[in-house]
Protein backbone atom coordinates (compact mmCIF):
# COMPACT_ATOMS: atom_id res chain seq x y z
CA MET A 1 -1.12 54.67 117.59
CA HIS A 2 -3.24 52.14 115.73
CA THR A 3 -6.39 54.05 114.94
CA THR A 4 -7.08 56.09 111.83
CA ASP A 5 -8.72 59.42 112.53
CA THR A 6 -10.85 60.51 109.59
CA ALA A 7 -12.54 63.47 111.23
CA ALA A 8 -12.45 66.62 109.10
CA PRO A 9 -9.32 68.64 109.91
CA ALA A 10 -9.69 72.15 111.21
CA VAL A 11 -7.70 73.46 108.27
CA THR A 12 -7.86 71.78 104.89
CA ALA A 13 -5.45 72.06 102.01
CA PRO A 14 -6.35 74.55 99.28
CA GLY A 15 -8.39 72.87 96.55
CA TYR A 16 -9.30 69.84 98.67
CA ARG A 17 -12.76 68.53 97.78
CA PRO A 18 -13.96 65.44 99.70
CA GLY A 19 -16.38 64.55 96.90
CA ARG A 20 -13.54 64.29 94.40
CA THR A 21 -11.51 61.75 96.33
CA LEU A 22 -11.38 58.14 95.09
CA PRO A 23 -13.16 58.79 91.75
CA LEU A 24 -15.45 56.06 90.50
CA ARG A 25 -13.38 55.71 87.33
CA VAL A 26 -10.25 54.98 89.34
CA GLU A 27 -12.00 52.46 91.57
CA ALA A 28 -13.68 50.78 88.58
CA ILE A 29 -10.38 50.36 86.75
CA ARG A 30 -8.77 48.91 89.89
CA GLN A 31 -11.53 46.35 90.30
CA LEU A 32 -11.73 45.46 86.60
CA LYS A 33 -8.01 44.65 86.52
CA ARG A 34 -8.22 42.25 89.42
CA ARG A 35 -7.85 38.57 88.63
CA ARG A 36 -11.05 37.55 90.40
CA THR A 37 -13.04 39.89 88.12
CA LEU A 38 -11.54 38.39 85.00
CA VAL A 39 -11.98 34.82 86.23
CA MET A 40 -15.62 35.39 87.18
CA GLY A 41 -16.33 36.98 83.81
CA GLY A 42 -14.76 34.00 82.09
CA VAL A 43 -16.84 31.54 84.13
CA LEU A 44 -20.09 33.33 83.32
CA ALA A 45 -19.22 33.52 79.63
CA LEU A 46 -18.30 29.83 79.62
CA LEU A 47 -21.51 28.55 81.21
CA PRO A 48 -23.69 28.85 78.05
CA LEU A 49 -21.05 26.96 76.06
CA VAL A 50 -20.97 24.20 78.67
CA LEU A 51 -24.76 23.96 78.63
CA TRP A 52 -24.84 23.88 74.83
CA LEU A 53 -22.20 21.14 74.83
CA ALA A 54 -24.25 19.16 77.35
CA PHE A 55 -27.30 19.35 75.10
CA ALA A 56 -25.20 18.44 72.06
CA VAL A 57 -23.81 15.34 73.79
CA ALA A 58 -26.93 14.20 75.66
CA GLY A 59 -29.47 15.27 73.08
CA SER A 60 -32.41 17.61 73.44
CA PRO A 61 -34.04 17.50 76.85
CA GLY A 62 -37.46 15.96 77.07
CA GLY A 63 -40.30 16.23 79.50
CA ARG A 64 -40.63 13.69 82.27
CA ASN A 65 -43.99 12.47 83.53
CA ASP A 66 -45.69 14.55 80.84
CA GLU A 67 -44.56 17.74 82.61
CA VAL A 68 -42.86 20.27 80.35
CA THR A 69 -40.56 22.83 81.96
CA LEU A 70 -38.42 25.69 80.70
CA MET A 71 -35.46 23.32 80.56
CA ASP A 72 -37.37 21.08 78.14
CA THR A 73 -37.76 23.92 75.63
CA ALA A 74 -34.13 25.08 75.87
CA THR A 75 -33.24 24.06 72.32
CA ALA A 76 -36.33 25.55 70.68
CA SER A 77 -34.64 28.88 69.91
CA GLY A 78 -31.87 31.22 71.01
CA VAL A 79 -34.24 33.07 73.34
CA ASN A 80 -35.36 29.81 74.93
CA PHE A 81 -31.74 28.89 75.49
CA ALA A 82 -30.97 32.26 77.11
CA ALA A 83 -33.99 31.94 79.41
CA THR A 84 -32.88 28.43 80.38
CA CYS A 85 -29.38 29.67 81.24
CA LEU A 86 -30.91 32.24 83.57
CA PHE A 87 -33.14 29.57 85.10
CA VAL A 88 -30.27 27.23 85.95
CA SER A 89 -27.98 29.98 87.25
CA ALA A 90 -30.26 32.43 89.09
CA GLY A 91 -30.64 30.25 92.18
CA PHE A 92 -26.94 29.90 92.99
CA LEU A 93 -24.37 30.75 90.33
CA LEU A 94 -25.34 34.42 90.03
CA VAL A 95 -25.19 34.75 93.80
CA ILE A 96 -21.42 34.19 93.69
CA PRO A 97 -20.37 37.23 91.57
CA VAL A 98 -22.66 39.50 93.58
CA ALA A 99 -21.21 38.25 96.87
CA LEU A 100 -17.70 38.44 95.44
CA PHE A 101 -17.85 41.94 93.98
CA CYS A 102 -19.68 43.45 96.98
CA GLY A 103 -18.12 41.36 99.76
CA ASP A 104 -14.50 41.44 98.69
CA THR A 105 -14.20 45.15 98.04
CA VAL A 106 -13.71 46.70 101.52
CA ALA A 107 -12.40 43.59 103.25
CA ALA A 108 -9.72 43.16 100.60
CA GLU A 109 -8.36 46.65 101.32
CA ALA A 110 -8.23 45.76 105.01
CA GLY A 111 -6.56 42.45 104.21
CA TRP A 112 -3.91 44.27 102.16
CA SER A 113 -3.43 46.77 105.02
CA SER A 114 -4.19 49.58 102.58
CA LEU A 115 -7.54 50.67 104.01
CA ARG A 116 -6.04 52.99 106.62
CA TYR A 117 -3.86 54.63 103.98
CA LEU A 118 -6.89 55.30 101.80
CA LEU A 119 -8.64 56.94 104.74
CA ALA A 120 -5.53 58.94 105.54
CA ALA A 121 -5.32 60.28 101.96
CA PRO A 122 -7.79 61.67 103.21
CA VAL A 123 -10.80 59.88 101.68
CA PRO A 124 -13.95 60.37 103.79
CA ARG A 125 -15.36 57.09 105.01
CA ALA A 126 -18.76 57.58 103.44
CA ARG A 127 -17.12 58.52 100.12
CA LEU A 128 -14.95 55.40 100.21
CA LEU A 129 -17.94 53.15 100.88
CA TRP A 130 -20.10 54.79 98.21
CA SER A 131 -17.34 54.43 95.60
CA LYS A 132 -16.81 50.77 96.41
CA LEU A 133 -20.53 50.03 96.63
CA VAL A 134 -21.35 51.66 93.29
CA VAL A 135 -18.51 49.84 91.53
CA GLY A 136 -19.44 46.54 93.21
CA LEU A 137 -23.06 46.87 92.14
CA GLY A 138 -21.96 47.92 88.66
CA LEU A 139 -19.83 44.80 88.26
CA SER A 140 -22.68 42.68 89.62
CA ALA A 141 -25.07 44.19 87.08
CA ALA A 142 -22.53 43.55 84.32
CA ALA A 143 -22.38 39.90 85.39
CA MET A 144 -26.17 39.67 85.18
CA VAL A 145 -26.12 41.08 81.64
CA LEU A 146 -23.09 39.12 80.42
CA LEU A 147 -24.60 35.68 81.01
CA PRO A 148 -27.85 36.11 79.01
CA LEU A 149 -26.06 38.05 76.26
CA VAL A 150 -23.57 35.24 75.68
CA ALA A 151 -26.36 32.67 76.03
CA LEU A 152 -28.47 34.50 73.47
CA ALA A 153 -25.56 34.59 71.02
CA VAL A 154 -24.67 30.91 71.58
CA GLY A 155 -28.30 29.81 71.46
CA THR A 156 -29.05 31.76 68.29
CA ALA A 157 -25.97 30.30 66.59
CA ALA A 158 -26.89 26.77 67.67
CA TYR A 159 -30.69 26.75 67.48
CA GLY A 160 -31.62 29.75 65.37
CA TRP A 161 -33.49 32.99 65.93
CA GLY A 162 -37.13 32.39 66.60
CA PRO A 163 -40.05 32.77 69.00
CA LEU A 164 -39.87 31.72 72.62
CA GLU A 165 -41.88 28.58 73.20
CA ILE A 166 -43.77 28.75 76.49
CA PRO A 167 -43.64 25.46 78.43
CA THR A 168 -47.34 25.71 79.30
CA GLY A 169 -48.27 26.25 75.66
CA GLY A 170 -48.14 29.05 73.13
CA ALA A 171 -45.25 31.24 72.08
CA LEU A 172 -43.92 34.80 72.20
CA ASP A 173 -42.42 36.39 69.13
CA ALA A 174 -38.68 36.90 69.35
CA ALA A 175 -38.79 40.69 69.76
CA THR A 176 -41.30 40.49 72.62
CA ALA A 177 -39.35 37.65 74.22
CA VAL A 178 -36.11 39.65 74.19
CA ARG A 179 -37.85 42.59 75.87
CA ARG A 180 -39.28 40.24 78.49
CA LEU A 181 -35.81 38.75 78.94
CA ALA A 182 -34.43 42.23 79.69
CA VAL A 183 -37.13 42.65 82.36
CA VAL A 184 -36.13 39.29 83.84
CA VAL A 185 -32.47 40.33 84.02
CA ALA A 186 -33.45 43.53 85.81
CA TYR A 187 -35.55 41.55 88.29
CA VAL A 188 -32.80 39.00 88.92
CA PHE A 189 -30.46 41.88 89.70
CA ALA A 190 -33.02 43.42 92.07
CA SER A 191 -33.55 40.07 93.79
CA GLN A 192 -29.79 39.78 94.36
CA LEU A 193 -29.58 43.17 96.10
CA VAL A 194 -30.16 41.49 99.44
CA THR A 195 -27.06 39.35 98.85
CA ALA A 196 -25.15 42.47 97.79
CA GLY A 197 -26.19 44.31 100.94
CA LEU A 198 -25.33 41.35 103.16
CA ALA A 199 -21.92 40.87 101.52
CA PHE A 200 -21.12 44.59 101.71
CA TRP A 201 -22.11 44.79 105.38
CA LEU A 202 -19.94 41.76 106.20
CA SER A 203 -17.10 43.31 104.20
CA THR A 204 -17.08 46.29 106.57
CA LYS A 205 -17.04 44.00 109.62
CA THR A 206 -14.10 41.74 108.76
CA ASP A 207 -10.58 41.91 107.36
CA ALA A 208 -11.01 38.53 105.66
CA PRO A 209 -12.55 38.79 102.17
CA LEU A 210 -13.31 35.07 102.12
CA GLY A 211 -15.31 35.46 105.32
CA ALA A 212 -17.46 38.23 103.84
CA VAL A 213 -18.03 36.44 100.53
CA GLY A 214 -18.53 33.02 102.09
CA GLY A 215 -20.81 34.42 104.78
CA ALA A 216 -23.05 36.09 102.20
CA VAL A 217 -23.23 32.97 100.04
CA GLY A 218 -23.82 30.75 103.07
CA LEU A 219 -26.65 32.88 104.45
CA THR A 220 -28.23 33.07 100.99
CA ILE A 221 -28.17 29.28 100.78
CA ALA A 222 -29.66 29.13 104.28
CA GLY A 223 -32.51 31.31 103.03
CA ASN A 224 -33.13 28.86 100.18
CA VAL A 225 -33.22 25.98 102.67
CA LEU A 226 -35.69 27.80 104.91
CA ASP A 227 -37.91 28.54 101.93
CA ALA A 228 -38.14 24.80 101.29
CA VAL A 229 -39.63 24.29 104.75
CA THR A 230 -43.32 24.44 103.90
CA ALA A 231 -44.24 24.31 107.59
CA LEU A 232 -43.23 27.98 107.81
CA GLY A 233 -46.32 28.84 105.81
CA HIS A 234 -46.75 32.54 105.04
CA TRP A 235 -43.54 33.40 106.91
CA ARG A 236 -41.73 32.32 103.77
CA ASP A 237 -43.13 35.41 102.04
CA PHE A 238 -40.58 37.44 104.00
CA LEU A 239 -37.69 35.41 102.59
CA PRO A 240 -36.07 36.85 99.43
CA ALA A 241 -35.45 33.29 98.25
CA HIS A 242 -39.19 32.69 98.10
CA TRP A 243 -39.49 35.09 95.17
CA GLN A 244 -36.30 34.34 93.23
CA PHE A 245 -38.16 32.61 90.38
CA ALA A 246 -41.17 34.92 90.29
CA TRP A 247 -39.85 36.14 86.95
CA ALA A 248 -41.15 32.96 85.31
CA ASP A 249 -44.57 34.66 85.24
CA VAL A 250 -43.20 37.15 82.72
CA PHE A 251 -42.84 34.42 80.09
CA GLN A 252 -46.58 34.08 79.68
CA PRO A 253 -48.84 35.53 76.97
CA THR A 254 -50.21 37.86 79.65
CA PRO A 255 -47.43 38.52 82.18
CA GLU A 256 -48.10 38.58 85.90
CA TRP A 257 -46.23 41.27 87.86
CA ALA A 258 -47.49 40.81 91.42
CA GLY A 259 -44.89 38.22 92.44
CA MET A 260 -42.01 40.22 90.95
CA LEU A 261 -43.12 43.43 92.64
CA GLN A 262 -43.37 41.74 96.02
CA GLY A 263 -40.05 39.96 95.58
CA ALA A 264 -38.27 43.15 94.55
CA ALA A 265 -39.79 45.02 97.50
CA VAL A 266 -38.59 42.37 99.97
CA SER A 267 -35.09 42.28 98.53
CA VAL A 268 -34.70 46.07 98.35
CA THR A 269 -35.96 46.47 101.92
CA TYR A 270 -33.41 44.03 103.28
CA ALA A 271 -30.67 45.63 101.17
CA VAL A 272 -31.44 49.15 102.43
CA VAL A 273 -31.31 48.02 106.06
CA LEU A 274 -28.05 46.11 105.57
CA LEU A 275 -26.38 48.99 103.71
CA ALA A 276 -27.48 51.41 106.41
CA LEU A 277 -25.87 49.14 109.01
CA ALA A 278 -22.69 48.99 106.90
CA PHE A 279 -22.37 52.78 106.65
CA ARG A 280 -23.28 53.35 110.29
CA GLY A 281 -20.89 50.70 111.59
CA PHE A 282 -17.99 51.72 109.36
CA ALA A 283 -18.34 55.36 110.39
CA ARG A 284 -17.61 54.31 113.98
CA LYS A 285 -15.13 51.54 113.27
CA ASP A 286 -11.59 51.71 114.56
CA VAL A 287 -9.64 50.98 111.38
CA VAL A 288 -6.31 49.34 112.13
CA SER A 289 -5.61 47.61 108.80
């Protein structure tokens, strides 16, 4: 018999509590010890050093055609450098850890043929998904925090602690800029929830982790391409990619929140639908791996 029956037994063992199976601490430790987690953490921590080295070799960036961007103020202070690191990584690089941590988690168990044994433990299906989803989102959030923290440390050591120079003119004092940077990190995480939901849903549909991760990254890139098609007009407002850099409005003397609120709402809506599909589909899935 190839199926795994996870229906509640008529008689349960004394002391059995479904809510205590697969504790978050156990799942978190398992995922933290995996090589892909360590490698991804190393890559994110290395990016600010690579960017600093690029500036050190090529010199400070300068505006082209009299247009000053966030990249052109990267070496003004540590906070500017951290904001620049987020700017260059938010569009693609930060998509990868989210897709990896949320897309690899269930599919990897199926690929190792250990998923059916977890369910036979017995771990309820909803409990298994919630544990893996919470840990996957937790690791994704940690990735979002790690990059700007390392960038802030590297930038402060290289360029000093000072105000954030706004490309359009003016400056924010360092304390205010750091608070705004924390808001940006929170928004970037919220904007990536759609990728997390997509990767997690695909992870419940396939036994190939690479398929779930690659599918989520590929569809996210497809969204970026569609957003570049201006002929779509207002239809682009329904694309999460359309709002991925709305956080730039926070680095103004008077921040604008409308774009971030709309972007977060779009991303969260897609994520809720995709996660609902993941839980509904997995509850009915015939697990054979």
